[in-house]
Protein backbone atom coordinates (compact mmCIF):
# COMPACT_ATOMS: atom_id res chain seq x y z
CA MET A 1 6.13 -12.80 1.48
CA SER A 2 8.38 -9.79 1.97
CA THR A 3 7.06 -6.49 3.32
CA ILE A 4 7.41 -4.88 -0.10
CA GLU A 5 5.55 -7.72 -1.83
CA ARG A 6 2.83 -7.55 0.83
CA ALA A 7 2.57 -3.77 0.34
CA PHE A 8 1.97 -4.15 -3.39
CA THR A 9 -0.55 -6.94 -2.79
CA LEU A 10 -2.49 -4.85 -0.27
CA ALA A 11 -2.33 -1.75 -2.48
CA ARG A 12 -4.07 -3.65 -5.28
CA THR A 13 -7.03 -4.60 -3.05
CA GLY A 14 -8.55 -1.13 -3.24
CA LYS A 15 -9.02 -0.99 0.54
CA TYR A 16 -6.27 1.60 1.10
CA ALA A 17 -6.67 5.06 -0.40
CA THR A 18 -3.39 6.38 0.99
CA LEU A 19 0.12 5.17 1.65
CA ALA A 20 -0.36 6.00 5.34
CA GLN A 21 -3.33 3.62 5.57
CA LEU A 22 -1.33 0.94 3.82
CA GLN A 23 1.64 1.40 6.15
CA LEU A 24 -0.61 1.18 9.19
CA GLN A 25 -2.05 -2.12 7.96
CA LEU A 26 1.42 -3.52 7.33
CA LYS A 27 2.44 -2.62 10.89
CA GLU A 28 -0.73 -4.21 12.26
CA ASP A 29 0.15 -7.33 10.26
CA GLY A 30 3.49 -7.46 12.10
CA CYS A 31 5.77 -6.06 9.41
CA ARG A 32 8.81 -4.19 10.69
CA ALA A 33 10.71 -1.19 9.34
CA VAL A 34 7.77 -0.37 7.08
CA GLU A 35 8.66 3.30 6.52
CA THR A 36 12.28 2.46 5.77
CA LEU A 37 11.45 -0.31 3.32
CA LEU A 38 8.86 1.78 1.49
CA SER A 39 10.85 5.02 1.52
CA PRO A 40 12.64 4.78 -1.86
CA ARG A 41 10.88 7.23 -4.18
CA SER A 42 10.25 4.65 -6.90
CA ILE A 43 8.53 2.25 -4.49
CA LYS A 44 6.60 4.97 -2.69
CA ASP A 45 5.37 6.64 -5.89
CA HIS A 46 4.31 3.31 -7.38
CA LEU A 47 2.38 2.33 -4.23
CA VAL A 48 0.67 5.73 -4.06
CA ALA A 49 -0.44 5.38 -7.68
CA ILE A 50 -1.72 1.83 -7.15
CA CYS A 51 -3.60 2.80 -3.98
CA ALA A 52 -5.22 5.77 -5.71
CA ALA A 53 -6.24 3.81 -8.80
CA SER A 54 -7.41 0.74 -6.90
CA SER A 55 -9.41 2.64 -4.28
CA LYS A 56 -11.02 4.77 -7.01
CA ALA A 57 -12.00 1.63 -8.90
CA MET A 58 -13.42 0.18 -5.68
CA ARG A 59 -15.59 3.28 -5.13
CA VAL A 60 -16.90 3.19 -8.70
CA ASP A 61 -17.54 -0.55 -8.72
CA GLY A 62 -18.69 -0.84 -5.10
């Protein structure tokens, strides 16, 4: 799985409220060049939205 695919998968888990938390997890998982790969505005904005929605849903459901 590519770093970008992994980022979207992790974002949907609801465990990461921010992009920074998500990036840290990717680095801990051994992904390289995380900031560079996730820097395009379209990718970054989409991940931020997914993290926010998923983590909010987690708080409501959990």
